[in-house]
Amino acid sequence: MNKILLVIQREYLTRVKKPSFWVLTIVVPVLLAVVYAIPIILASRPLEHAHVLVVDDTGLFQGQFRSGRDITYYEAGSIDYARRQLQQHDSLNAIVYIPARETTLPRDAYLFYRSDAPSLTVQTDAQNQLQEILRNRILLDVHGLTPDDYALLTSTHIRLRTQDIETGRDGFLQVKIVVGALLAILVFMAVFMFGSQVMRGVMEEKTSRIVEVIVCSVKPFQLMMGKVVGIGLVGLTQFALWVLLAGALVTGVQLTHADLFEQASSRHSQTEIASKGTEATYQYQTEQERAAQYQAGQGIDNSIQDLIEGLTGINFTMLILLFVFYFVFGYLLYASLFAAAGSLVDNETDSQQFTLPITIPLLLTLLLLPSMVGQPSGSLSTWLSIIPFTSPVAMLLRIPFGVPVWQVLLSMLLLLATFPLCIWAAAKVYRSAILRYGQKASWRDVWRFLRPGSKA
């Protein structure tokens, strides 16, 4: 046992002390956050105010353009006058010109500029206002509808909200899909990445023949287990640091935007009350009360509010515990197989014939993620979340949606029963193949190593 601990310590400290470990753990997530934040920050900066002349030869758009925070519109009598003004005054940015046509309604308009092309904001605003003014004119002249009538029609909507009848909590399926898919992909990448590190470490020691010196004092099984556990602890350390960083980020958001989480908690309470038999009371609320509630929530974008409420409705403590369980035992299962594959070959090119069959279950599960998202409780998702070789990915996808307890327990028990068998089989192959040089191994050799009474 002491020798295994020594190997674990060596593998762990060797990798944790590398600068690349800390770059991948801290610097890369921060850089990704900065990359995503820069466009948002730039988009939120106030734009340079634009001044635009409007020349309407049709008379349909007369006095209809609305100036805003970023753009001011001025009416001009003729296109020739507007051209002279644009050339003489640097403060003017563009001209919107709607020429008269023989048809009743204009089919096109022009945006003239002097040297620098107007910003996309100016182009978009002018296009939208032209379309809106023309639409309102048609609605009024043909259908007798005012802009207020049209606004009322388009603002009227109904949202279908999925809700658990027992707990009263909203389903927020989109949020659960994102969380489940993120966890599933994260486990897949972690198992594949750290398992590959085990395989490369075994091949490097075998190629350099350092393993000949090591096995003089350490048994092959001890060396394999020490390498597998040591690299696995590196992965857990990385995930722990990521959780701490995410927790610090969430805490910062909660402190700076407490109103978001307060409104999410309030909406949770309302849905729970509604599920307990007070729907009739809510239905009899006056329209004025509903309007007041609606206006109170308009300060926050609905999509952001739904995201916050959906996240606060997930049991992250249970999610993290299950994530650690499936990562640890899924990693032990696959890392032992990767270690056996590394002991069979002398270079990474020859390892493909062994690593591809090993990773097929994980790759298949990843390819079937869209189907499982469509039916998280379907037979395909259920079986994949129970089979030990696919459960680390499939079960974590299903957990945010809610999984029956017996399925979770069965999946965990089967994984616990399977990974020792994989370690035993990998240890037999590792012990028999680690000192073989210059011979290309085949699956027949693997079967021969696994037979009872086989020797190195």
Protein backbone atom coordinates (compact mmCIF):
# COMPACT_ATOMS: atom_id res chain seq x y z
CA MET A 1 0.00 0.00 0.00
CA ASN A 2 2.87 2.37 0.82
CA LYS A 3 4.36 1.82 -2.63
CA ILE A 4 1.04 2.67 -4.29
CA LEU A 5 0.89 5.88 -2.23
CA LEU A 6 4.42 6.77 -3.35
CA VAL A 7 3.46 6.30 -6.99
CA ILE A 8 0.28 8.35 -6.45
CA GLN A 9 2.30 11.13 -4.83
CA ARG A 10 4.81 11.16 -7.68
CA GLU A 11 2.17 11.23 -10.42
CA TYR A 12 0.11 13.89 -8.63
CA LEU A 13 2.90 16.29 -7.70
CA THR A 14 4.66 15.93 -11.06
CA ARG A 15 1.56 17.19 -12.89
CA VAL A 16 0.29 19.73 -10.36
CA LYS A 17 3.66 21.48 -10.24
CA LYS A 18 3.66 22.03 -13.99
CA PRO A 19 2.78 25.59 -15.10
CA SER A 20 0.52 24.12 -17.79
CA PHE A 21 -1.75 22.68 -15.08
CA TRP A 22 -2.38 26.11 -13.55
CA VAL A 23 -2.73 27.73 -16.95
CA LEU A 24 -5.42 25.21 -17.92
CA THR A 25 -7.12 25.45 -14.52
CA ILE A 26 -7.20 29.19 -13.90
CA VAL A 27 -5.91 31.24 -16.82
CA VAL A 28 -7.86 29.49 -19.60
CA PRO A 29 -11.33 29.82 -17.92
CA VAL A 30 -10.59 33.48 -17.12
CA LEU A 31 -9.53 34.13 -20.71
CA LEU A 32 -12.67 32.45 -22.03
CA ALA A 33 -14.78 34.60 -19.71
CA VAL A 34 -12.96 37.73 -20.91
CA VAL A 35 -13.41 36.74 -24.56
CA TYR A 36 -17.16 36.34 -24.05
CA ALA A 37 -17.42 39.50 -21.93
CA ILE A 38 -15.59 41.86 -24.32
CA PRO A 39 -18.33 41.85 -27.03
CA ILE A 40 -20.99 42.42 -24.35
CA ILE A 41 -19.05 45.32 -22.84
CA LEU A 42 -18.39 46.86 -26.24
CA ALA A 43 -22.05 46.44 -27.23
CA SER A 44 -23.19 48.18 -24.04
CA ARG A 45 -21.01 51.25 -24.65
CA PRO A 46 -22.90 54.34 -25.80
CA LEU A 47 -22.62 54.95 -29.54
CA GLU A 48 -21.64 58.21 -31.19
CA HIS A 49 -24.80 60.20 -31.80
CA ALA A 50 -25.87 60.26 -35.46
CA HIS A 51 -27.76 63.00 -37.35
CA VAL A 52 -29.81 61.89 -40.36
CA LEU A 53 -31.81 63.91 -42.89
CA VAL A 54 -35.09 62.45 -44.21
CA VAL A 55 -36.38 63.32 -47.68
CA ASP A 56 -39.83 61.88 -48.41
CA ASP A 57 -41.13 62.41 -51.94
CA THR A 58 -44.17 60.17 -51.31
CA GLY A 59 -45.64 62.06 -48.36
CA LEU A 60 -46.39 58.78 -46.57
CA PHE A 61 -43.53 59.13 -44.09
CA GLN A 62 -43.92 62.83 -43.36
CA GLY A 63 -43.32 63.53 -39.64
CA GLN A 64 -43.30 59.82 -38.83
CA PHE A 65 -39.60 59.19 -38.08
CA ARG A 66 -38.88 59.11 -34.33
CA SER A 67 -35.56 60.34 -32.98
CA GLY A 68 -33.91 58.35 -30.20
CA ARG A 69 -30.97 58.29 -27.85
CA ASP A 70 -28.47 57.46 -30.60
CA ILE A 71 -30.06 58.98 -33.72
CA THR A 72 -31.77 62.29 -34.47
CA TYR A 73 -33.84 62.63 -37.66
CA TYR A 74 -34.44 65.92 -39.47
CA GLU A 75 -36.83 66.49 -42.37
CA ALA A 76 -35.55 68.08 -45.56
CA GLY A 77 -37.67 69.45 -48.40
CA SER A 78 -35.75 68.09 -51.36
CA ILE A 79 -32.95 65.69 -52.13
CA ASP A 80 -30.82 68.45 -53.69
CA TYR A 81 -31.01 70.54 -50.52
CA ALA A 82 -30.21 67.49 -48.40
CA ARG A 83 -27.17 66.65 -50.56
CA ARG A 84 -25.76 70.16 -50.10
CA GLN A 85 -26.31 70.03 -46.35
CA LEU A 86 -24.59 66.64 -46.10
CA GLN A 87 -21.56 67.91 -48.02
CA GLN A 88 -21.28 71.17 -46.07
CA HIS A 89 -21.85 69.95 -42.49
CA ASP A 90 -19.63 67.31 -40.94
CA SER A 91 -22.16 66.78 -38.15
CA LEU A 92 -24.60 65.17 -40.60
CA ASN A 93 -24.07 61.46 -41.18
CA ALA A 94 -26.56 60.28 -43.79
CA ILE A 95 -29.71 60.93 -45.82
CA VAL A 96 -32.77 58.67 -45.93
CA TYR A 97 -34.40 59.23 -49.31
CA ILE A 98 -37.79 57.75 -50.30
CA PRO A 99 -38.43 58.53 -53.97
CA ALA A 100 -41.93 58.80 -55.41
CA ARG A 101 -43.14 55.90 -57.55
CA GLU A 102 -46.05 55.38 -59.92
CA THR A 103 -47.40 52.69 -57.63
CA THR A 104 -49.29 53.58 -54.47
CA LEU A 105 -46.67 52.20 -52.10
CA PRO A 106 -42.90 52.75 -52.41
CA ARG A 107 -40.83 49.64 -53.03
CA ASP A 108 -37.39 50.92 -52.07
CA ALA A 109 -35.55 53.71 -50.29
CA TYR A 110 -31.95 54.91 -50.22
CA LEU A 111 -29.46 55.71 -47.47
CA PHE A 112 -26.90 58.19 -48.82
CA TYR A 113 -23.65 58.99 -47.02
CA ARG A 114 -20.67 61.20 -47.76
CA SER A 115 -17.42 59.30 -47.06
CA ASP A 116 -17.72 57.15 -43.98
CA ALA A 117 -20.44 54.53 -44.16
CA PRO A 118 -23.09 54.98 -41.43
CA SER A 119 -23.03 52.59 -38.51
CA LEU A 120 -25.06 49.41 -38.49
CA THR A 121 -27.27 50.98 -35.82
CA VAL A 122 -28.26 53.79 -38.20
CA GLN A 123 -28.94 51.39 -41.06
CA THR A 124 -31.00 49.04 -38.89
CA ASP A 125 -33.00 51.82 -37.24
CA ALA A 126 -33.81 53.48 -40.56
CA GLN A 127 -34.86 50.16 -42.11
CA ASN A 128 -37.08 49.27 -39.13
CA GLN A 129 -38.73 52.67 -39.01
CA LEU A 130 -39.45 52.60 -42.74
CA GLN A 131 -41.02 49.17 -42.40
CA GLU A 132 -43.03 50.13 -39.32
CA ILE A 133 -44.38 53.37 -40.80
CA LEU A 134 -45.39 51.65 -44.03
CA ARG A 135 -47.06 48.81 -42.13
CA ASN A 136 -49.01 51.22 -39.92
CA ARG A 137 -50.20 53.10 -42.99
CA ILE A 138 -51.49 49.90 -44.59
CA LEU A 139 -53.17 48.77 -41.35
CA LEU A 140 -54.93 52.11 -40.94
CA ASP A 141 -56.00 52.63 -44.54
CA VAL A 142 -56.95 49.04 -45.39
CA HIS A 143 -58.00 47.47 -42.08
CA GLY A 144 -58.83 50.48 -39.93
CA LEU A 145 -56.34 49.48 -37.22
CA THR A 146 -54.33 52.11 -35.35
CA PRO A 147 -50.71 51.52 -34.26
CA ASP A 148 -51.97 51.05 -30.69
CA ASP A 149 -54.39 48.36 -31.85
CA TYR A 150 -51.58 46.55 -33.66
CA ALA A 151 -49.25 46.87 -30.65
CA LEU A 152 -51.95 45.32 -28.45
CA LEU A 153 -52.41 42.42 -30.86
CA THR A 154 -48.69 41.69 -31.17
CA SER A 155 -47.99 42.05 -27.43
CA THR A 156 -50.68 39.55 -26.52
CA HIS A 157 -49.06 36.18 -25.95
CA ILE A 158 -49.35 33.12 -23.78
CA ARG A 159 -46.42 31.08 -22.54
CA LEU A 160 -46.66 27.36 -21.89
CA ARG A 161 -44.84 26.65 -18.63
CA THR A 162 -43.92 23.10 -17.68
CA GLN A 163 -44.57 22.49 -14.00
CA ASP A 164 -44.22 19.58 -11.59
CA ILE A 165 -47.68 18.90 -10.15
CA GLU A 166 -46.25 17.63 -6.86
CA THR A 167 -43.64 20.28 -6.05
CA GLY A 168 -45.16 23.16 -7.99
CA ARG A 169 -41.80 24.10 -9.50
CA ASP A 170 -41.45 25.12 -13.10
CA GLY A 171 -39.68 22.69 -15.39
CA PHE A 172 -37.39 25.16 -17.20
CA LEU A 173 -36.48 22.46 -19.70
CA GLN A 174 -34.11 24.71 -21.66
CA VAL A 175 -32.02 25.40 -18.55
CA LYS A 176 -31.96 21.72 -17.62
CA ILE A 177 -30.92 20.77 -21.16
CA VAL A 178 -27.98 23.17 -21.00
CA VAL A 179 -26.89 22.05 -17.52
CA GLY A 180 -27.27 18.34 -18.31
CA ALA A 181 -25.47 18.57 -21.66
CA LEU A 182 -22.68 20.62 -20.10
CA LEU A 183 -22.13 18.04 -17.33
CA ALA A 184 -22.25 15.13 -19.78
CA ILE A 185 -19.74 16.74 -22.15
CA LEU A 186 -17.52 17.73 -19.22
CA VAL A 187 -17.36 14.16 -17.92
CA PHE A 188 -16.71 12.83 -21.41
CA MET A 189 -13.84 15.26 -21.94
CA ALA A 190 -12.39 14.64 -18.48
CA VAL A 191 -12.49 10.84 -18.73
CA PHE A 192 -11.04 10.91 -22.24
CA MET A 193 -8.39 13.53 -21.46
CA PHE A 194 -7.11 12.08 -18.17
CA GLY A 195 -7.44 8.51 -19.46
CA SER A 196 -5.26 9.49 -22.42
CA GLN A 197 -2.75 10.97 -20.01
CA VAL A 198 -2.53 7.61 -18.24
CA MET A 199 -1.95 5.83 -21.55
CA ARG A 200 0.71 8.31 -22.67
CA GLY A 201 2.46 8.08 -19.29
CA VAL A 202 2.59 4.28 -19.52
CA MET A 203 3.91 4.41 -23.09
CA GLU A 204 6.59 6.99 -22.19
CA GLU A 205 7.86 4.88 -19.31
CA LYS A 206 7.82 1.79 -21.49
CA THR A 207 9.58 3.47 -24.43
CA SER A 208 12.27 5.02 -22.23
CA ARG A 209 12.59 1.69 -20.36
CA ILE A 210 12.33 3.44 -17.02
CA VAL A 211 9.62 0.94 -16.21
CA GLU A 212 12.29 -1.80 -16.06
CA VAL A 213 13.87 0.01 -13.11
CA ILE A 214 10.54 0.81 -11.44
CA VAL A 215 9.17 -2.75 -11.51
CA CYS A 216 12.26 -3.93 -9.66
CA SER A 217 10.81 -2.34 -6.49
CA VAL A 218 7.13 -1.90 -7.36
CA LYS A 219 4.75 -4.56 -8.59
CA PRO A 220 3.10 -3.84 -11.99
CA PHE A 221 -0.36 -3.69 -10.38
CA GLN A 222 0.86 -1.16 -7.80
CA LEU A 223 2.46 0.93 -10.53
CA MET A 224 -0.69 0.91 -12.64
CA MET A 225 -3.01 1.77 -9.76
CA GLY A 226 -0.70 4.49 -8.49
CA LYS A 227 -0.60 6.07 -11.95
CA VAL A 228 -4.38 5.81 -12.43
CA VAL A 229 -5.25 7.22 -8.99
CA GLY A 230 -2.59 9.94 -9.08
CA ILE A 231 -3.76 11.35 -12.42
CA GLY A 232 -7.37 11.01 -11.27
CA LEU A 233 -6.59 13.17 -8.22
CA VAL A 234 -5.14 15.77 -10.58
CA GLY A 235 -8.49 15.84 -12.37
CA LEU A 236 -10.41 16.16 -9.10
CA THR A 237 -8.15 19.01 -8.03
CA GLN A 238 -8.84 20.79 -11.28
CA PHE A 239 -12.60 20.34 -10.92
CA ALA A 240 -12.48 21.48 -7.28
CA LEU A 241 -10.72 24.69 -8.32
CA TRP A 242 -13.28 25.22 -11.09
CA VAL A 243 -16.12 24.76 -8.59
CA LEU A 244 -14.50 27.31 -6.27
CA LEU A 245 -14.10 29.78 -9.13
CA ALA A 246 -17.72 29.24 -10.21
CA GLY A 247 -18.90 29.61 -6.62
CA ALA A 248 -16.99 32.87 -6.24
CA LEU A 249 -18.50 34.12 -9.51
CA VAL A 250 -22.04 33.20 -8.47
CA THR A 251 -21.54 34.81 -5.06
CA GLY A 252 -20.31 37.98 -6.74
CA VAL A 253 -23.35 38.05 -9.03
CA GLN A 254 -25.66 37.47 -6.04
CA LEU A 255 -24.10 40.37 -4.14
CA THR A 256 -24.15 42.78 -7.07
CA HIS A 257 -27.53 41.71 -8.53
CA ALA A 258 -29.48 40.56 -5.50
CA ASP A 259 -32.76 41.65 -7.12
CA LEU A 260 -32.40 38.92 -9.76
CA PHE A 261 -32.32 36.15 -7.17
CA GLU A 262 -35.00 37.77 -5.00
CA GLN A 263 -37.42 37.86 -7.94
CA ALA A 264 -36.51 34.25 -8.82
CA SER A 265 -37.29 33.19 -5.24
CA SER A 266 -40.54 35.15 -5.34
CA ARG A 267 -41.61 33.45 -8.58
CA HIS A 268 -40.78 30.05 -7.07
CA SER A 269 -43.07 30.86 -4.13
CA GLN A 270 -45.88 31.94 -6.45
CA THR A 271 -45.73 28.74 -8.49
CA GLU A 272 -45.65 26.59 -5.34
CA ILE A 273 -48.72 28.41 -3.97
CA ALA A 274 -50.54 27.99 -7.28
CA SER A 275 -49.89 24.25 -7.27
CA LYS A 276 -51.53 23.88 -3.84
CA GLY A 277 -54.99 24.92 -4.87
CA THR A 278 -55.02 28.69 -5.07
CA GLU A 279 -55.29 28.91 -8.83
CA ALA A 280 -58.86 30.14 -8.49
CA THR A 281 -57.73 33.01 -6.27
CA TYR A 282 -55.17 34.03 -8.83
CA GLN A 283 -57.70 33.83 -11.66
CA TYR A 284 -59.93 36.36 -9.88
CA GLN A 285 -57.20 38.98 -9.51
CA THR A 286 -58.10 42.22 -11.23
CA GLU A 287 -56.45 43.22 -14.47
CA GLN A 288 -54.89 46.20 -12.67
CA GLU A 289 -53.11 43.93 -10.17
CA ARG A 290 -51.77 41.70 -12.94
CA ALA A 291 -50.56 44.72 -14.88
CA ALA A 292 -48.76 46.02 -11.79
CA GLN A 293 -47.05 42.64 -11.30
CA TYR A 294 -46.08 42.57 -14.96
CA GLN A 295 -44.63 46.08 -14.85
CA ALA A 296 -42.64 45.22 -11.71
CA GLY A 297 -40.84 42.46 -13.56
CA GLN A 298 -40.08 44.46 -16.69
CA GLY A 299 -36.84 45.82 -15.27
CA ILE A 300 -35.24 42.45 -15.91
CA ASP A 301 -35.12 40.66 -19.20
CA ASN A 302 -37.42 37.63 -19.17
CA SER A 303 -34.80 35.29 -20.56
CA ILE A 304 -32.28 36.26 -17.86
CA GLN A 305 -34.97 35.92 -15.19
CA ASP A 306 -35.94 32.47 -16.45
CA LEU A 307 -32.28 31.43 -16.48
CA ILE A 308 -31.77 32.58 -12.87
CA GLU A 309 -35.00 30.95 -11.72
CA GLY A 310 -34.19 27.72 -13.54
CA LEU A 311 -30.71 27.55 -12.01
CA THR A 312 -31.97 28.28 -8.49
CA GLY A 313 -34.45 25.42 -8.87
CA ILE A 314 -31.69 22.83 -9.42
CA ASN A 315 -30.23 20.94 -6.45
CA PHE A 316 -26.58 21.68 -7.16
CA THR A 317 -25.36 19.90 -4.01
CA MET A 318 -26.75 16.59 -5.22
CA LEU A 319 -25.60 17.40 -8.76
CA ILE A 320 -22.00 17.99 -7.65
CA LEU A 321 -21.95 14.83 -5.51
CA LEU A 322 -23.25 12.70 -8.39
CA PHE A 323 -20.84 14.39 -10.77
CA VAL A 324 -17.91 13.50 -8.50
CA PHE A 325 -19.15 9.91 -8.15
CA TYR A 326 -19.59 9.30 -11.88
CA PHE A 327 -16.37 11.06 -12.74
CA VAL A 328 -14.32 9.09 -10.19
CA PHE A 329 -15.64 5.62 -10.97
CA GLY A 330 -16.10 6.28 -14.68
CA TYR A 331 -12.52 7.51 -14.79
CA LEU A 332 -11.23 4.49 -12.84
CA LEU A 333 -13.04 2.17 -15.26
CA TYR A 334 -11.72 3.81 -18.42
CA ALA A 335 -8.28 4.85 -17.11
CA SER A 336 -7.46 1.25 -16.22
CA LEU A 337 -8.36 0.21 -19.77
CA PHE A 338 -6.26 3.05 -21.19
CA ALA A 339 -3.35 1.93 -19.01
CA ALA A 340 -3.69 -1.61 -20.39
CA ALA A 341 -3.77 -0.22 -23.95
CA GLY A 342 -0.62 1.80 -23.26
CA SER A 343 1.23 -1.26 -22.01
CA LEU A 344 0.47 -3.16 -25.22
CA VAL A 345 2.17 -0.73 -27.63
CA ASP A 346 5.38 1.25 -27.96
CA ASN A 347 3.99 4.37 -29.68
CA GLU A 348 0.73 6.30 -29.88
CA THR A 349 0.12 5.40 -33.53
CA ASP A 350 -0.15 1.69 -32.77
CA SER A 351 -2.47 2.40 -29.83
CA GLN A 352 -5.43 3.35 -32.08
CA GLN A 353 -6.49 -0.28 -32.57
CA PHE A 354 -7.00 -0.60 -28.80
CA THR A 355 -8.21 2.89 -27.81
CA LEU A 356 -10.95 3.11 -30.46
CA PRO A 357 -12.93 0.07 -29.18
CA ILE A 358 -12.47 1.37 -25.62
CA THR A 359 -13.91 4.80 -26.40
CA ILE A 360 -16.77 3.64 -28.65
CA PRO A 361 -19.33 3.52 -25.76
CA LEU A 362 -18.45 7.10 -24.73
CA LEU A 363 -18.49 8.36 -28.31
CA LEU A 364 -21.80 6.63 -28.99
CA THR A 365 -23.35 8.22 -25.92
CA LEU A 366 -22.10 11.63 -26.98
CA LEU A 367 -23.59 11.19 -30.46
CA LEU A 368 -26.92 10.15 -28.93
CA LEU A 369 -27.15 13.20 -26.67
CA PRO A 370 -29.69 14.99 -28.94
CA SER A 371 -31.96 11.93 -28.85
CA MET A 372 -31.66 11.68 -25.07
CA VAL A 373 -32.39 15.39 -24.68
CA GLY A 374 -35.58 14.89 -26.68
CA GLN A 375 -36.70 12.05 -24.38
CA PRO A 376 -34.70 12.15 -21.12
CA SER A 377 -36.99 9.53 -19.58
CA GLY A 378 -37.23 7.33 -22.69
CA SER A 379 -36.01 3.76 -22.94
CA LEU A 380 -32.82 4.75 -24.80
CA SER A 381 -31.84 7.30 -22.15
CA THR A 382 -32.74 4.90 -19.34
CA TRP A 383 -30.66 2.01 -20.65
CA LEU A 384 -27.66 4.20 -21.47
CA SER A 385 -27.77 5.69 -17.97
CA ILE A 386 -27.75 2.22 -16.40
CA ILE A 387 -25.11 0.45 -18.52
CA PRO A 388 -21.77 1.04 -16.69
CA PHE A 389 -19.76 1.96 -19.80
CA THR A 390 -22.20 4.72 -20.79
CA SER A 391 -23.76 5.75 -17.47
CA PRO A 392 -21.11 8.38 -16.48
CA VAL A 393 -22.22 10.52 -19.43
CA ALA A 394 -25.88 9.53 -19.87
CA MET A 395 -26.90 9.71 -16.21
CA LEU A 396 -25.45 13.18 -15.71
CA LEU A 397 -27.47 14.39 -18.69
CA ARG A 398 -30.67 13.03 -17.12
CA ILE A 399 -30.09 14.13 -13.51
CA PRO A 400 -31.30 17.77 -13.93
CA PHE A 401 -34.58 16.48 -15.40
CA GLY A 402 -35.25 14.21 -12.43
CA VAL A 403 -34.48 10.49 -12.38
CA PRO A 404 -36.25 7.83 -10.27
CA VAL A 405 -34.16 6.92 -7.24
CA TRP A 406 -34.09 3.22 -8.11
CA GLN A 407 -32.55 3.96 -11.50
CA VAL A 408 -29.82 6.10 -9.94
CA LEU A 409 -29.05 3.45 -7.32
CA LEU A 410 -29.03 0.64 -9.91
CA SER A 411 -26.73 2.65 -12.15
CA MET A 412 -24.34 3.36 -9.28
CA LEU A 413 -24.31 -0.26 -8.09
CA LEU A 414 -23.59 -1.61 -11.57
CA LEU A 415 -20.78 0.91 -12.03
CA LEU A 416 -19.33 -0.02 -8.63
CA ALA A 417 -19.50 -3.72 -9.55
CA THR A 418 -17.99 -3.24 -13.03
CA PHE A 419 -14.97 -1.04 -12.41
CA PRO A 420 -13.15 -3.61 -10.20
CA LEU A 421 -13.53 -6.20 -12.99
CA CYS A 422 -12.06 -3.74 -15.49
CA ILE A 423 -9.17 -2.97 -13.14
CA TRP A 424 -8.54 -6.71 -12.63
CA ALA A 425 -8.55 -7.36 -16.40
CA ALA A 426 -6.40 -4.30 -17.10
CA ALA A 427 -3.94 -5.33 -14.39
CA LYS A 428 -3.48 -8.78 -15.95
CA VAL A 429 -2.84 -7.27 -19.38
CA TYR A 430 -0.57 -4.60 -17.90
CA ARG A 431 1.50 -7.10 -15.92
CA SER A 432 1.95 -9.35 -18.96
CA ALA A 433 2.63 -6.66 -21.59
CA ILE A 434 4.54 -3.88 -19.82
CA LEU A 435 7.97 -5.48 -20.45
CA ARG A 436 7.30 -6.62 -24.02
CA TYR A 437 9.29 -4.67 -26.63
CA GLY A 438 9.44 -4.67 -30.40
CA GLN A 439 6.33 -6.82 -30.85
CA LYS A 440 3.04 -5.50 -32.14
CA ALA A 441 0.29 -6.74 -29.86
CA SER A 442 -3.07 -7.94 -31.15
CA TRP A 443 -6.44 -8.69 -29.63
CA ARG A 444 -5.43 -12.37 -29.64
CA ASP A 445 -2.56 -11.44 -27.30
CA VAL A 446 -4.99 -9.59 -25.05
CA TRP A 447 -7.19 -12.67 -24.83
CA ARG A 448 -4.15 -14.80 -24.06
CA PHE A 449 -3.10 -12.45 -21.25
CA LEU A 450 -6.58 -12.62 -19.75
CA ARG A 451 -6.79 -16.39 -19.69
CA PRO A 452 -6.39 -18.03 -16.27
CA GLY A 453 -2.81 -19.05 -15.51
CA SER A 454 -1.29 -16.74 -18.12
CA LYS A 455 2.24 -15.47 -17.43
CA ALA A 456 4.22 -12.49 -18.63
